[in-house]
Amino acid sequence: TYLAMALAVSSFLKGECNRIILTRPARESGENLGFLPGSLEEKIMPYLRPLYDALYDMLAVDEAAALIERGAIEVAPLAFMRGRTLSNSFIILDEAQNTTAEQMLMFLTRMGFNSKVVITGDPTQADLKPSERSGLVQAMDTLGRIPEIAFCRFATEDVVRHALLEKIINAYAGEE
């Protein structure tokens, strides 16, 4: 997410795009949170918080807030993307392992002229039902032969959070 966010902010600041669109599926990670009170924005905020966190690491909070207020940066759940055409935009779909095949196709067909799309996700951390196939995995299988589409696969040594995380990930994978 952070690398994608850095690319998006850099592209925006260079004038290569007019806006940044940040989206992710609103999928709970193994826990059923049930009914959330409040407005629609208050209900979806917990799902979108990681995108704001990454954004605030790239831009000052007041600068990011001003860009969000004027619509230059938009943070929205994936379900709100249907029917849109996103032109002149840098679009990030985060946590794509939690999309269904239908959601992924819907998302991919939102791309308009002069837009770039970055999709992030870890297929090993999907929160889908056992009967659901990850849209990310299907996209990787289906689109891998298109030369204009690239896939970057990261390993544990690419972890850029706390230095201890590489060891934790390897231990869970049975490598340590």
Protein backbone atom coordinates (compact mmCIF):
# COMPACT_ATOMS: atom_id res chain seq x y z
CA THR A 1 0.00 0.00 0.00
CA TYR A 2 2.77 2.46 0.90
CA LEU A 3 4.68 2.00 -2.34
CA ALA A 4 1.48 2.40 -4.36
CA MET A 5 0.56 5.49 -2.35
CA ALA A 6 4.02 6.99 -2.91
CA LEU A 7 3.66 6.42 -6.66
CA ALA A 8 0.18 7.98 -6.66
CA VAL A 9 1.22 11.07 -4.69
CA SER A 10 4.34 11.51 -6.83
CA SER A 11 2.31 11.23 -10.03
CA PHE A 12 -0.23 13.75 -8.72
CA LEU A 13 2.39 16.26 -7.58
CA LYS A 14 4.14 16.03 -10.98
CA GLY A 15 0.83 16.83 -12.71
CA GLU A 16 0.68 13.43 -14.43
CA CYS A 17 -2.89 12.92 -13.18
CA ASN A 18 -5.70 15.15 -11.91
CA ARG A 19 -6.78 13.01 -8.99
CA ILE A 20 -6.03 10.01 -6.82
CA ILE A 21 -8.74 7.42 -6.25
CA LEU A 22 -8.21 5.02 -3.33
CA THR A 23 -10.52 2.06 -2.87
CA ARG A 24 -10.77 -1.27 -1.15
CA PRO A 25 -13.44 -3.89 -0.55
CA ALA A 26 -15.32 -3.58 2.75
CA ARG A 27 -14.60 -7.13 3.92
CA GLU A 28 -14.20 -8.07 7.58
CA SER A 29 -11.09 -10.05 8.50
CA GLY A 30 -12.54 -13.12 10.14
CA GLU A 31 -14.65 -11.30 12.71
CA ASN A 32 -18.27 -10.35 12.27
CA LEU A 33 -18.63 -6.79 13.49
CA GLY A 34 -22.39 -6.80 12.98
CA PHE A 35 -24.43 -3.64 12.64
CA LEU A 36 -22.38 -0.47 12.90
CA PRO A 37 -24.29 2.64 14.03
CA GLY A 38 -23.87 6.03 12.43
CA SER A 39 -23.78 7.61 8.99
CA LEU A 40 -22.59 5.76 5.89
CA GLU A 41 -19.22 7.52 6.18
CA GLU A 42 -18.87 6.39 9.82
CA LYS A 43 -19.75 2.80 8.89
CA ILE A 44 -17.18 2.50 6.10
CA MET A 45 -14.37 4.44 7.79
CA PRO A 46 -12.89 1.40 9.61
CA TYR A 47 -12.41 -0.35 6.27
CA LEU A 48 -10.79 2.68 4.66
CA ARG A 49 -8.60 3.75 7.60
CA PRO A 50 -5.44 1.99 6.28
CA LEU A 51 -5.62 4.06 3.10
CA TYR A 52 -5.83 7.28 5.11
CA ASP A 53 -2.90 6.11 7.26
CA ALA A 54 -0.72 5.58 4.17
CA LEU A 55 -1.85 8.91 2.70
CA TYR A 56 -1.01 10.79 5.90
CA ASP A 57 2.47 9.24 5.84
CA MET A 58 3.01 10.85 2.40
CA LEU A 59 1.30 14.22 2.88
CA ALA A 60 0.70 16.49 5.86
CA VAL A 61 -2.74 15.85 7.34
CA ASP A 62 -4.00 19.37 6.54
CA GLU A 63 -2.69 19.15 2.95
CA ALA A 64 -4.32 15.75 2.44
CA ALA A 65 -7.57 17.00 3.99
CA ALA A 66 -7.62 19.99 1.62
CA LEU A 67 -7.07 17.71 -1.39
CA ILE A 68 -9.82 15.37 -0.20
CA GLU A 69 -12.20 18.28 0.37
CA ARG A 70 -11.70 19.61 -3.16
CA GLY A 71 -12.04 16.11 -4.66
CA ALA A 72 -8.46 15.72 -5.87
CA ILE A 73 -8.13 12.69 -3.59
CA GLU A 74 -11.06 10.35 -3.11
CA VAL A 75 -11.24 7.44 -0.70
CA ALA A 76 -14.23 5.15 -1.26
CA PRO A 77 -15.29 1.55 -0.79
CA LEU A 78 -15.09 -0.65 -3.88
CA ALA A 79 -18.88 -1.02 -3.98
CA PHE A 80 -19.12 2.69 -4.87
CA MET A 81 -17.08 2.27 -8.05
CA ARG A 82 -19.83 0.67 -10.16
CA GLY A 83 -20.89 2.77 -13.14
CA ARG A 84 -17.98 5.20 -13.00
CA THR A 85 -15.30 5.99 -15.58
CA LEU A 86 -12.10 7.16 -13.90
CA SER A 87 -10.08 9.22 -16.37
CA ASN A 88 -6.91 11.25 -15.68
CA SER A 89 -6.56 9.41 -12.39
CA PHE A 90 -4.13 7.31 -10.40
CA ILE A 91 -6.29 4.55 -8.96
CA ILE A 92 -5.27 2.18 -6.17
CA LEU A 93 -7.27 -0.92 -5.27
CA ASP A 94 -5.96 -2.10 -1.90
CA GLU A 95 -6.58 -5.49 -0.28
CA ALA A 96 -7.59 -6.93 -3.67
CA GLN A 97 -7.27 -10.48 -2.37
CA ASN A 98 -10.68 -9.83 -0.78
CA THR A 99 -12.43 -9.04 -4.05
CA THR A 100 -14.58 -11.56 -5.83
CA ALA A 101 -14.02 -12.23 -9.52
CA GLU A 102 -17.09 -10.09 -10.31
CA GLN A 103 -15.83 -7.18 -8.20
CA MET A 104 -12.40 -7.32 -9.84
CA LEU A 105 -13.85 -7.22 -13.34
CA MET A 106 -16.12 -4.35 -12.34
CA PHE A 107 -13.14 -2.46 -10.92
CA LEU A 108 -10.87 -3.08 -13.91
CA THR A 109 -13.51 -1.77 -16.29
CA ARG A 110 -13.63 1.60 -14.45
CA MET A 111 -10.28 2.66 -15.93
CA GLY A 112 -10.65 5.66 -18.22
CA PHE A 113 -8.31 7.57 -20.51
CA ASN A 114 -4.90 8.61 -19.13
CA SER A 115 -5.31 6.59 -15.95
CA LYS A 116 -2.99 4.25 -14.14
CA VAL A 117 -4.16 1.45 -11.89
CA VAL A 118 -2.21 -0.22 -9.12
CA ILE A 119 -3.76 -3.23 -7.41
CA THR A 120 -2.29 -4.45 -4.13
CA GLY A 121 -3.05 -7.59 -2.19
CA ASP A 122 -1.69 -10.72 -0.62
CA PRO A 123 -3.43 -13.90 -1.82
CA THR A 124 -2.34 -15.67 1.38
CA GLN A 125 -4.41 -13.27 3.51
CA ALA A 126 -7.81 -13.49 1.83
CA ASP A 127 -10.89 -13.14 4.03
CA LEU A 128 -13.25 -14.70 1.49
CA LYS A 129 -15.52 -17.66 2.12
CA PRO A 130 -14.01 -21.01 1.10
CA SER A 131 -16.47 -21.16 -1.81
CA GLU A 132 -15.32 -17.77 -3.19
CA ARG A 133 -12.33 -17.40 -5.51
CA SER A 134 -10.22 -14.30 -5.04
CA GLY A 135 -10.60 -11.76 -7.81
CA LEU A 136 -6.91 -10.96 -7.39
CA VAL A 137 -5.87 -14.57 -7.99
CA GLN A 138 -8.19 -14.84 -10.99
CA ALA A 139 -6.87 -11.56 -12.43
CA MET A 140 -3.30 -12.77 -12.07
CA ASP A 141 -4.20 -16.01 -13.86
CA THR A 142 -6.26 -14.30 -16.57
CA LEU A 143 -4.26 -11.15 -17.31
CA GLY A 144 -0.69 -12.43 -17.03
CA ARG A 145 -0.38 -12.76 -20.82
CA ILE A 146 -1.19 -9.10 -21.55
CA PRO A 147 2.16 -7.30 -22.13
CA GLU A 148 0.92 -3.93 -20.84
CA ILE A 149 0.10 -5.46 -17.44
CA ALA A 150 2.87 -6.21 -14.95
CA PHE A 151 2.84 -8.12 -11.68
CA CYS A 152 5.29 -7.50 -8.84
CA ARG A 153 5.58 -10.25 -6.27
CA PHE A 154 7.21 -9.36 -2.99
CA ALA A 155 8.98 -11.68 -0.57
CA THR A 156 9.51 -11.44 3.18
CA GLU A 157 12.77 -9.52 2.69
CA ASP A 158 10.70 -6.78 1.02
CA VAL A 159 8.76 -6.04 4.23
CA VAL A 160 9.24 -2.36 5.07
CA ARG A 161 7.51 -2.18 8.42
CA HIS A 162 9.21 -3.20 11.65
CA ALA A 163 12.50 -5.12 11.16
CA LEU A 164 11.15 -8.02 13.22
CA LEU A 165 8.28 -8.69 10.78
CA GLU A 166 10.38 -10.63 8.29
CA LYS A 167 11.26 -13.10 11.07
CA ILE A 168 7.63 -13.30 12.21
CA ILE A 169 6.38 -13.98 8.67
CA ASN A 170 9.05 -16.62 8.10
CA ALA A 171 8.24 -18.28 11.44
CA TYR A 172 4.56 -18.55 10.53
CA ALA A 173 5.54 -19.96 7.16
CA GLY A 174 7.64 -22.60 8.97
CA GLU A 175 10.92 -21.30 7.62
CA GLU A 176 12.51 -20.43 10.98
